Amino acid sequence: MLSCFHPLTGRLLVALVLGLLLVLVFLGVRGGKRRVGLAPWRFLARELSVGLGIFAMIFGLTVWLGSYSRSPLSFARQPALRGFVVHKGRGPSVRVEAGDGFSISHSSLAFITPLIEPGAASCLWQSQSGAAVDVPDICDIAYAPPSADYDVLRLRVMSGCGLPDSFGNLRIAILP
């Protein structure tokens, strides 16, 4: 559930709850004297209802604006697929944007991880040239190139947060 919210939203909600607790404690202290027992929680009903009403409005507004599926803000309109991380052999991992490409030897493997935000998603991979993809319906794959000069991997990302499906592809040059 929290994975479908902007990362700042969780921090804001924690700060709001802590702020509410502090307000309740300070409203229980009157005139510099701390009341004993349950007295700190006894204060005017009007102060309580106004404070809780304001808290509820700010809390609801934070949840609404921070939600990826319901927010009118621009971050919620971005596609879930942000690019790919490709790891080949012993070399370092390389970030590849959707639509870009990389080269690979015909006898090696590449491990491809899509960069997906936010939260949980399911993926569907397809190879234009019939390459071996270990499990085509999970997001992280091991790619074995086909007997061809090039390949295009297509990916469909179905977000678990109610965002529209994202599509991306990788162009792969296969070296001898």
N, C-alpha and C. Protein backbone atom coordinates (compact mmCIF):
# COMPACT_ATOMS: atom_id res chain seq x y z
N MET A 1 0.82 -1.19 0.00
CA MET A 1 0.00 0.00 0.00
C MET A 1 0.87 1.26 0.00
N LEU A 2 1.86 1.35 0.91
CA LEU A 2 2.70 2.54 0.96
C LEU A 2 3.60 2.67 -0.25
N SER A 3 3.82 1.57 -0.99
CA SER A 3 4.66 1.66 -2.17
C SER A 3 3.96 2.42 -3.30
N CYS A 4 2.67 2.65 -3.17
CA CYS A 4 1.92 3.38 -4.19
C CYS A 4 1.82 4.87 -3.87
N PHE A 5 2.67 5.35 -2.96
CA PHE A 5 2.70 6.75 -2.60
C PHE A 5 4.08 7.32 -2.87
N HIS A 6 4.13 8.60 -3.15
CA HIS A 6 5.39 9.29 -3.33
C HIS A 6 6.21 9.12 -2.05
N PRO A 7 7.54 8.94 -2.14
CA PRO A 7 8.35 8.70 -0.94
C PRO A 7 8.21 9.79 0.13
N LEU A 8 8.01 11.02 -0.25
CA LEU A 8 7.87 12.11 0.71
C LEU A 8 6.57 12.00 1.51
N THR A 9 5.58 11.35 0.96
CA THR A 9 4.28 11.25 1.63
C THR A 9 4.37 10.53 2.96
N GLY A 10 5.08 9.43 3.01
CA GLY A 10 5.22 8.68 4.26
C GLY A 10 5.85 9.51 5.35
N ARG A 11 6.89 10.27 5.00
CA ARG A 11 7.55 11.14 5.98
C ARG A 11 6.62 12.24 6.48
N LEU A 12 5.85 12.81 5.55
CA LEU A 12 4.90 13.85 5.95
C LEU A 12 3.82 13.31 6.87
N LEU A 13 3.33 12.10 6.60
CA LEU A 13 2.31 11.52 7.45
C LEU A 13 2.84 11.24 8.85
N VAL A 14 4.06 10.75 8.95
CA VAL A 14 4.67 10.53 10.27
C VAL A 14 4.82 11.86 11.01
N ALA A 15 5.25 12.90 10.32
CA ALA A 15 5.40 14.22 10.94
C ALA A 15 4.04 14.76 11.39
N LEU A 16 3.00 14.54 10.61
CA LEU A 16 1.66 15.00 11.00
C LEU A 16 1.18 14.31 12.26
N VAL A 17 1.37 13.00 12.35
CA VAL A 17 0.92 12.26 13.53
C VAL A 17 1.71 12.70 14.76
N LEU A 18 3.03 12.86 14.61
CA LEU A 18 3.84 13.34 15.73
C LEU A 18 3.41 14.75 16.14
N GLY A 19 3.12 15.59 15.17
CA GLY A 19 2.64 16.94 15.46
C GLY A 19 1.32 16.92 16.20
N LEU A 20 0.42 16.03 15.82
CA LEU A 20 -0.86 15.90 16.52
C LEU A 20 -0.64 15.48 17.96
N LEU A 21 0.26 14.53 18.19
CA LEU A 21 0.54 14.09 19.56
C LEU A 21 1.12 15.24 20.39
N LEU A 22 2.03 16.01 19.80
CA LEU A 22 2.59 17.16 20.52
C LEU A 22 1.51 18.20 20.84
N VAL A 23 0.64 18.46 19.91
CA VAL A 23 -0.45 19.42 20.15
C VAL A 23 -1.34 18.92 21.28
N LEU A 24 -1.66 17.63 21.29
CA LEU A 24 -2.50 17.09 22.36
C LEU A 24 -1.83 17.23 23.71
N VAL A 25 -0.53 16.99 23.77
CA VAL A 25 0.19 17.13 25.04
C VAL A 25 0.22 18.60 25.47
N PHE A 26 0.53 19.52 24.55
CA PHE A 26 0.61 20.93 24.92
C PHE A 26 -0.75 21.52 25.26
N LEU A 27 -1.82 21.03 24.64
CA LEU A 27 -3.14 21.51 25.01
C LEU A 27 -3.54 21.03 26.40
N GLY A 28 -2.93 19.96 26.84
CA GLY A 28 -3.21 19.45 28.18
C GLY A 28 -2.48 20.22 29.26
N VAL A 29 -1.50 21.03 28.90
CA VAL A 29 -0.75 21.84 29.86
C VAL A 29 -1.32 23.25 29.82
N ARG A 30 -1.79 23.75 30.93
CA ARG A 30 -2.41 25.08 30.99
C ARG A 30 -1.69 25.96 32.01
N GLY A 31 -1.39 27.15 31.61
CA GLY A 31 -0.84 28.14 32.53
C GLY A 31 0.46 27.70 33.17
N GLY A 32 1.24 26.88 32.52
CA GLY A 32 2.51 26.45 33.06
C GLY A 32 2.40 25.34 34.08
N LYS A 33 1.19 24.90 34.43
CA LYS A 33 1.02 23.83 35.41
C LYS A 33 0.61 22.55 34.68
N ARG A 34 1.30 21.49 35.00
CA ARG A 34 0.95 20.21 34.39
C ARG A 34 -0.07 19.53 35.29
N ARG A 35 -1.15 19.09 34.71
CA ARG A 35 -2.20 18.42 35.47
C ARG A 35 -1.82 16.97 35.69
N VAL A 36 -2.30 16.40 36.75
CA VAL A 36 -1.94 15.04 37.15
C VAL A 36 -2.99 14.05 36.62
N GLY A 37 -2.54 12.81 36.35
CA GLY A 37 -3.45 11.74 35.93
C GLY A 37 -3.92 11.94 34.51
N LEU A 38 -5.21 11.80 34.29
CA LEU A 38 -5.79 11.96 32.96
C LEU A 38 -6.05 13.41 32.60
N ALA A 39 -5.77 14.31 33.52
CA ALA A 39 -6.06 15.72 33.31
C ALA A 39 -5.42 16.31 32.06
N PRO A 40 -4.19 15.90 31.65
CA PRO A 40 -3.63 16.51 30.44
C PRO A 40 -4.50 16.28 29.20
N TRP A 41 -5.33 15.30 29.20
CA TRP A 41 -6.15 15.01 28.02
C TRP A 41 -7.52 15.67 28.11
N ARG A 42 -7.77 16.39 29.23
CA ARG A 42 -9.05 17.10 29.39
C ARG A 42 -8.86 18.55 28.99
N PHE A 43 -9.46 18.92 27.94
CA PHE A 43 -9.46 20.31 27.53
C PHE A 43 -10.77 20.56 26.80
N LEU A 44 -10.98 21.74 26.41
CA LEU A 44 -12.26 22.11 25.83
C LEU A 44 -12.57 21.29 24.57
N ALA A 45 -13.82 20.89 24.45
CA ALA A 45 -14.24 20.10 23.29
C ALA A 45 -14.08 20.89 22.00
N ARG A 46 -14.26 22.18 22.08
CA ARG A 46 -14.11 23.01 20.88
C ARG A 46 -12.68 22.96 20.36
N GLU A 47 -11.70 23.11 21.23
CA GLU A 47 -10.29 23.04 20.83
C GLU A 47 -9.98 21.69 20.19
N LEU A 48 -10.51 20.64 20.80
CA LEU A 48 -10.27 19.30 20.28
C LEU A 48 -10.90 19.12 18.90
N SER A 49 -12.14 19.53 18.75
CA SER A 49 -12.81 19.32 17.47
C SER A 49 -12.18 20.15 16.35
N VAL A 50 -11.80 21.38 16.65
CA VAL A 50 -11.15 22.22 15.63
C VAL A 50 -9.79 21.63 15.26
N GLY A 51 -9.02 21.26 16.26
CA GLY A 51 -7.69 20.68 16.00
C GLY A 51 -7.77 19.38 15.22
N LEU A 52 -8.68 18.50 15.62
CA LEU A 52 -8.83 17.23 14.90
C LEU A 52 -9.37 17.44 13.49
N GLY A 53 -10.23 18.42 13.31
CA GLY A 53 -10.74 18.73 11.97
C GLY A 53 -9.64 19.21 11.04
N ILE A 54 -8.80 20.11 11.55
CA ILE A 54 -7.67 20.60 10.75
C ILE A 54 -6.70 19.47 10.45
N PHE A 55 -6.42 18.65 11.47
CA PHE A 55 -5.53 17.50 11.27
C PHE A 55 -6.08 16.57 10.19
N ALA A 56 -7.38 16.25 10.27
CA ALA A 56 -7.98 15.34 9.29
C ALA A 56 -7.91 15.91 7.88
N MET A 57 -8.11 17.23 7.75
CA MET A 57 -8.04 17.84 6.42
C MET A 57 -6.61 17.77 5.86
N ILE A 58 -5.63 18.10 6.67
CA ILE A 58 -4.24 18.06 6.21
C ILE A 58 -3.80 16.63 5.92
N PHE A 59 -4.20 15.69 6.76
CA PHE A 59 -3.87 14.29 6.57
C PHE A 59 -4.48 13.78 5.26
N GLY A 60 -5.76 14.06 5.04
CA GLY A 60 -6.43 13.63 3.80
C GLY A 60 -5.82 14.27 2.56
N LEU A 61 -5.48 15.55 2.65
CA LEU A 61 -4.86 16.24 1.52
C LEU A 61 -3.49 15.64 1.20
N THR A 62 -2.73 15.29 2.24
CA THR A 62 -1.42 14.68 2.04
C THR A 62 -1.55 13.32 1.36
N VAL A 63 -2.49 12.51 1.83
CA VAL A 63 -2.70 11.19 1.23
C VAL A 63 -3.15 11.33 -0.23
N TRP A 64 -4.07 12.25 -0.50
CA TRP A 64 -4.57 12.43 -1.87
C TRP A 64 -3.47 12.91 -2.80
N LEU A 65 -2.72 13.94 -2.39
CA LEU A 65 -1.68 14.48 -3.27
C LEU A 65 -0.49 13.54 -3.40
N GLY A 66 -0.24 12.68 -2.42
CA GLY A 66 0.89 11.78 -2.47
C GLY A 66 0.62 10.47 -3.17
N SER A 67 -0.62 10.18 -3.46
CA SER A 67 -0.99 8.91 -4.10
C SER A 67 -0.65 8.94 -5.59
N TYR A 68 0.03 7.91 -6.06
CA TYR A 68 0.37 7.84 -7.48
C TYR A 68 -0.86 7.69 -8.35
N SER A 69 -1.87 6.97 -7.90
CA SER A 69 -3.02 6.70 -8.76
C SER A 69 -4.07 7.80 -8.71
N ARG A 70 -4.09 8.65 -7.68
CA ARG A 70 -5.15 9.64 -7.54
C ARG A 70 -4.68 11.10 -7.58
N SER A 71 -3.40 11.33 -7.47
CA SER A 71 -2.87 12.69 -7.37
C SER A 71 -2.97 13.44 -8.71
N PRO A 72 -3.33 14.73 -8.65
CA PRO A 72 -3.32 15.53 -9.88
C PRO A 72 -1.93 16.10 -10.19
N LEU A 73 -0.96 15.85 -9.33
CA LEU A 73 0.39 16.40 -9.54
C LEU A 73 1.11 15.66 -10.66
N SER A 74 2.13 16.28 -11.23
CA SER A 74 2.79 15.74 -12.42
C SER A 74 3.56 14.45 -12.16
N PHE A 75 4.08 14.22 -10.94
CA PHE A 75 4.85 13.00 -10.72
C PHE A 75 3.98 11.75 -10.87
N ALA A 76 2.68 11.88 -10.68
CA ALA A 76 1.80 10.73 -10.80
C ALA A 76 1.46 10.42 -12.26
N ARG A 77 1.82 11.30 -13.17
CA ARG A 77 1.52 11.09 -14.58
C ARG A 77 2.70 10.48 -15.34
N GLN A 78 3.84 10.32 -14.68
CA GLN A 78 5.01 9.77 -15.35
C GLN A 78 4.86 8.26 -15.52
N PRO A 79 5.42 7.71 -16.58
CA PRO A 79 5.35 6.26 -16.77
C PRO A 79 6.13 5.51 -15.68
N ALA A 80 5.68 4.31 -15.39
CA ALA A 80 6.31 3.51 -14.34
C ALA A 80 7.72 3.05 -14.74
N LEU A 81 7.96 2.84 -16.03
CA LEU A 81 9.26 2.37 -16.51
C LEU A 81 10.21 3.54 -16.69
N ARG A 82 11.33 3.53 -15.95
CA ARG A 82 12.29 4.62 -15.99
C ARG A 82 13.56 4.29 -16.76
N GLY A 83 13.71 3.06 -17.23
CA GLY A 83 14.90 2.64 -17.94
C GLY A 83 15.27 1.22 -17.52
N PHE A 84 16.50 0.84 -17.81
CA PHE A 84 16.97 -0.51 -17.52
C PHE A 84 18.37 -0.47 -16.94
N VAL A 85 18.70 -1.49 -16.17
CA VAL A 85 20.08 -1.72 -15.74
C VAL A 85 20.50 -3.05 -16.37
N VAL A 86 21.59 -3.03 -17.13
CA VAL A 86 22.08 -4.22 -17.83
C VAL A 86 23.42 -4.60 -17.23
N HIS A 87 23.54 -5.86 -16.86
CA HIS A 87 24.80 -6.37 -16.33
C HIS A 87 25.26 -7.50 -17.25
N LYS A 88 26.45 -7.32 -17.82
CA LYS A 88 27.03 -8.33 -18.72
C LYS A 88 28.33 -8.83 -18.14
N GLY A 89 28.41 -10.10 -17.89
CA GLY A 89 29.67 -10.71 -17.44
C GLY A 89 30.25 -10.05 -16.21
N ARG A 90 31.58 -9.80 -16.28
CA ARG A 90 32.29 -9.27 -15.12
C ARG A 90 32.35 -7.75 -15.10
N GLY A 91 31.85 -7.12 -16.11
CA GLY A 91 31.91 -5.66 -16.18
C GLY A 91 30.90 -5.02 -15.25
N PRO A 92 30.96 -3.71 -15.14
CA PRO A 92 30.01 -3.01 -14.28
C PRO A 92 28.61 -2.96 -14.91
N SER A 93 27.63 -2.76 -14.07
CA SER A 93 26.26 -2.60 -14.56
C SER A 93 26.15 -1.27 -15.29
N VAL A 94 25.33 -1.24 -16.34
CA VAL A 94 25.17 -0.05 -17.16
C VAL A 94 23.69 0.31 -17.19
N ARG A 95 23.40 1.59 -17.01
CA ARG A 95 22.03 2.05 -17.13
C ARG A 95 21.74 2.37 -18.59
N VAL A 96 20.63 1.85 -19.09
CA VAL A 96 20.23 2.05 -20.48
C VAL A 96 18.81 2.60 -20.48
N GLU A 97 18.61 3.69 -21.18
CA GLU A 97 17.28 4.28 -21.28
C GLU A 97 16.40 3.43 -22.20
N ALA A 98 15.10 3.48 -21.98
CA ALA A 98 14.16 2.76 -22.85
C ALA A 98 14.30 3.31 -24.27
N GLY A 99 14.37 2.42 -25.24
CA GLY A 99 14.56 2.80 -26.63
C GLY A 99 16.01 2.79 -27.07
N ASP A 100 16.94 2.84 -26.13
CA ASP A 100 18.36 2.78 -26.46
C ASP A 100 18.80 1.33 -26.58
N GLY A 101 20.08 1.12 -26.78
CA GLY A 101 20.55 -0.24 -26.96
C GLY A 101 21.89 -0.51 -26.34
N PHE A 102 22.32 -1.75 -26.48
CA PHE A 102 23.64 -2.17 -26.03
C PHE A 102 24.07 -3.34 -26.90
N SER A 103 25.34 -3.71 -26.81
CA SER A 103 25.84 -4.83 -27.60
C SER A 103 26.23 -5.96 -26.66
N ILE A 104 26.17 -7.17 -27.22
CA ILE A 104 26.48 -8.36 -26.43
C ILE A 104 27.06 -9.42 -27.36
N SER A 105 27.95 -10.22 -26.84
CA SER A 105 28.50 -11.34 -27.60
C SER A 105 27.46 -12.44 -27.71
N HIS A 106 27.45 -13.15 -28.82
CA HIS A 106 26.42 -14.19 -29.04
C HIS A 106 26.52 -15.33 -28.03
N SER A 107 27.67 -15.48 -27.37
CA SER A 107 27.84 -16.59 -26.44
C SER A 107 27.74 -16.18 -24.97
N SER A 108 27.31 -14.96 -24.69
CA SER A 108 27.25 -14.52 -23.30
C SER A 108 25.81 -14.24 -22.87
N LEU A 109 25.66 -14.05 -21.59
CA LEU A 109 24.36 -13.72 -21.00
C LEU A 109 24.35 -12.28 -20.54
N ALA A 110 23.17 -11.70 -20.52
CA ALA A 110 22.97 -10.37 -19.94
C ALA A 110 21.84 -10.48 -18.93
N PHE A 111 22.02 -9.83 -17.80
CA PHE A 111 20.98 -9.77 -16.79
C PHE A 111 20.38 -8.38 -16.86
N ILE A 112 19.08 -8.32 -17.09
CA ILE A 112 18.41 -7.05 -17.33
C ILE A 112 17.38 -6.82 -16.24
N THR A 113 17.47 -5.65 -15.62
CA THR A 113 16.54 -5.26 -14.58
C THR A 113 15.87 -3.95 -15.00
N PRO A 114 14.56 -3.93 -15.15
CA PRO A 114 13.90 -2.66 -15.45
C PRO A 114 13.83 -1.79 -14.21
N LEU A 115 14.00 -0.50 -14.39
CA LEU A 115 13.87 0.46 -13.28
C LEU A 115 12.42 0.90 -13.25
N ILE A 116 11.71 0.42 -12.24
CA ILE A 116 10.26 0.62 -12.17
C ILE A 116 9.93 1.39 -10.91
N GLU A 117 9.14 2.43 -11.08
CA GLU A 117 8.59 3.17 -9.95
C GLU A 117 7.12 3.36 -10.23
N PRO A 118 6.32 3.33 -9.35
CA PRO A 118 6.46 3.02 -7.94
C PRO A 118 6.06 1.57 -7.68
N GLY A 119 6.55 1.05 -6.59
CA GLY A 119 6.08 -0.19 -6.01
C GLY A 119 6.04 -1.41 -6.90
N ALA A 120 5.13 -2.28 -6.54
CA ALA A 120 5.02 -3.58 -7.19
C ALA A 120 4.47 -3.45 -8.61
N ALA A 121 4.96 -4.31 -9.46
CA ALA A 121 4.50 -4.33 -10.84
C ALA A 121 4.71 -5.73 -11.39
N SER A 122 4.01 -6.04 -12.44
CA SER A 122 4.26 -7.28 -13.17
C SER A 122 4.71 -6.90 -14.57
N CYS A 123 5.51 -7.77 -15.17
CA CYS A 123 6.14 -7.45 -16.45
C CYS A 123 5.89 -8.56 -17.46
N LEU A 124 5.92 -8.20 -18.71
CA LEU A 124 5.80 -9.16 -19.80
C LEU A 124 6.84 -8.81 -20.86
N TRP A 125 7.80 -9.73 -21.07
CA TRP A 125 8.89 -9.53 -22.02
C TRP A 125 8.60 -10.28 -23.32
N GLN A 126 9.04 -9.71 -24.45
CA GLN A 126 8.98 -10.38 -25.75
C GLN A 126 10.25 -10.06 -26.52
N SER A 127 10.77 -11.08 -27.22
CA SER A 127 11.95 -10.90 -28.04
C SER A 127 11.53 -10.96 -29.51
N GLN A 128 11.97 -9.98 -30.28
CA GLN A 128 11.62 -9.95 -31.70
C GLN A 128 12.26 -11.10 -32.46
N SER A 129 13.46 -11.52 -32.05
CA SER A 129 14.18 -12.57 -32.77
C SER A 129 14.12 -13.93 -32.09
N GLY A 130 13.29 -14.06 -31.10
CA GLY A 130 13.13 -15.36 -30.44
C GLY A 130 14.22 -15.71 -29.45
N ALA A 131 14.78 -14.73 -28.79
CA ALA A 131 15.83 -15.00 -27.81
C ALA A 131 15.26 -15.73 -26.60
N ALA A 132 16.15 -16.42 -25.91
CA ALA A 132 15.75 -17.12 -24.70
C ALA A 132 15.70 -16.12 -23.54
N VAL A 133 14.52 -16.00 -22.96
CA VAL A 133 14.31 -15.17 -21.78
C VAL A 133 13.88 -16.14 -20.70
N ASP A 134 14.63 -16.19 -19.57
CA ASP A 134 14.40 -17.26 -18.59
C ASP A 134 12.94 -17.38 -18.15
N VAL A 135 12.34 -16.33 -17.67
CA VAL A 135 10.91 -16.34 -17.32
C VAL A 135 10.34 -15.04 -17.88
N PRO A 136 9.54 -15.10 -18.93
CA PRO A 136 9.13 -13.88 -19.62
C PRO A 136 8.12 -13.02 -18.87
N ASP A 137 7.53 -13.53 -17.77
CA ASP A 137 6.51 -12.74 -17.10
C ASP A 137 6.94 -12.20 -15.74
N ILE A 138 8.26 -12.16 -15.49
CA ILE A 138 8.77 -11.48 -14.30
C ILE A 138 9.62 -10.30 -14.77
N CYS A 139 9.95 -9.41 -13.87
CA CYS A 139 10.61 -8.18 -14.28
C CYS A 139 12.12 -8.31 -14.49
N ASP A 140 12.83 -9.01 -13.64
CA ASP A 140 14.28 -9.20 -13.81
C ASP A 140 14.50 -10.45 -14.64
N ILE A 141 15.28 -10.32 -15.72
CA ILE A 141 15.47 -11.48 -16.59
C ILE A 141 16.95 -11.73 -16.87
N ALA A 142 17.22 -12.97 -17.25
CA ALA A 142 18.51 -13.35 -17.82
C ALA A 142 18.27 -13.52 -19.32
N TYR A 143 19.06 -12.83 -20.12
CA TYR A 143 18.85 -12.80 -21.57
C TYR A 143 19.98 -13.54 -22.27
N ALA A 144 19.61 -14.54 -23.09
CA ALA A 144 20.57 -15.26 -23.93
C ALA A 144 20.26 -14.88 -25.38
N PRO A 145 21.22 -14.29 -26.08
CA PRO A 145 20.93 -13.80 -27.43
C PRO A 145 20.65 -14.93 -28.42
N PRO A 146 19.80 -14.64 -29.41
CA PRO A 146 19.50 -15.63 -30.44
C PRO A 146 20.59 -15.64 -31.52
N SER A 147 20.42 -16.51 -32.49
CA SER A 147 21.35 -16.57 -33.63
C SER A 147 20.91 -15.53 -34.64
N ALA A 148 21.21 -14.30 -34.38
CA ALA A 148 20.83 -13.19 -35.26
C ALA A 148 21.84 -12.07 -35.06
N ASP A 149 21.76 -11.04 -35.92
CA ASP A 149 22.66 -9.91 -35.81
C ASP A 149 22.17 -8.87 -34.80
N TYR A 150 20.88 -8.85 -34.58
CA TYR A 150 20.29 -7.89 -33.64
C TYR A 150 19.02 -8.48 -33.06
N ASP A 151 18.55 -7.85 -32.01
CA ASP A 151 17.29 -8.25 -31.39
C ASP A 151 16.67 -7.00 -30.78
N VAL A 152 15.38 -7.04 -30.62
CA VAL A 152 14.67 -5.98 -29.91
C VAL A 152 13.85 -6.66 -28.82
N LEU A 153 14.13 -6.28 -27.58
CA LEU A 153 13.35 -6.77 -26.45
C LEU A 153 12.28 -5.75 -26.15
N ARG A 154 11.05 -6.21 -26.05
CA ARG A 154 9.93 -5.34 -25.70
C ARG A 154 9.45 -5.70 -24.31
N LEU A 155 9.12 -4.68 -23.55
CA LEU A 155 8.66 -4.88 -22.18
C LEU A 155 7.37 -4.11 -21.96
N ARG A 156 6.43 -4.80 -21.33
CA ARG A 156 5.18 -4.17 -20.88
C ARG A 156 5.17 -4.26 -19.36
N VAL A 157 5.05 -3.12 -18.70
CA VAL A 157 5.01 -3.06 -17.23
C VAL A 157 3.59 -2.71 -16.81
N MET A 158 3.01 -3.59 -16.01
CA MET A 158 1.67 -3.37 -15.48
C MET A 158 1.80 -3.00 -14.01
N SER A 159 1.54 -1.75 -13.70
CA SER A 159 1.74 -1.22 -12.35
C SER A 159 0.68 -1.76 -11.40
N GLY A 160 1.11 -2.05 -10.19
CA GLY A 160 0.17 -2.48 -9.16
C GLY A 160 -0.48 -1.30 -8.45
N CYS A 161 -0.16 -0.09 -8.85
CA CYS A 161 -0.67 1.11 -8.18
C CYS A 161 -1.77 1.81 -8.97
N GLY A 162 -2.28 1.18 -9.99
CA GLY A 162 -3.35 1.78 -10.76
C GLY A 162 -2.89 2.76 -11.82
N LEU A 163 -1.61 2.82 -12.10
CA LEU A 163 -1.11 3.68 -13.17
C LEU A 163 -1.29 2.97 -14.51
N PRO A 164 -1.33 3.72 -15.60
CA PRO A 164 -1.43 3.07 -16.91
C PRO A 164 -0.21 2.20 -17.19
N ASP A 165 -0.38 1.21 -18.05
CA ASP A 165 0.74 0.34 -18.44
C ASP A 165 1.84 1.17 -19.10
N SER A 166 3.08 0.76 -18.86
CA SER A 166 4.24 1.40 -19.49
C SER A 166 4.86 0.41 -20.47
N PHE A 167 5.40 0.94 -21.56
CA PHE A 167 6.03 0.11 -22.57
C PHE A 167 7.43 0.64 -22.83
N GLY A 168 8.35 -0.25 -23.09
CA GLY A 168 9.71 0.13 -23.42
C GLY A 168 10.37 -0.97 -24.23
N ASN A 169 11.43 -0.62 -24.92
CA ASN A 169 12.17 -1.63 -25.65
C ASN A 169 13.67 -1.37 -25.55
N LEU A 170 14.41 -2.42 -25.80
CA LEU A 170 15.86 -2.37 -25.82
C LEU A 170 16.33 -2.92 -27.17
N ARG A 171 17.18 -2.18 -27.84
CA ARG A 171 17.79 -2.66 -29.07
C ARG A 171 19.11 -3.30 -28.72
N ILE A 172 19.33 -4.51 -29.21
CA ILE A 172 20.51 -5.26 -28.84
C ILE A 172 21.28 -5.66 -30.09
N ALA A 173 22.54 -5.21 -30.18
CA ALA A 173 23.42 -5.63 -31.27
C ALA A 173 24.17 -6.88 -30.80
N ILE A 174 24.08 -7.95 -31.59
CA ILE A 174 24.69 -9.22 -31.19
C ILE A 174 25.99 -9.37 -31.98
N LEU A 175 27.10 -9.42 -31.25
CA LEU A 175 28.42 -9.50 -31.86
C LEU A 175 28.85 -10.96 -31.99
N PRO A 176 29.68 -11.27 -33.01
CA PRO A 176 30.13 -12.68 -33.17
C PRO A 176 31.08 -13.11 -32.08
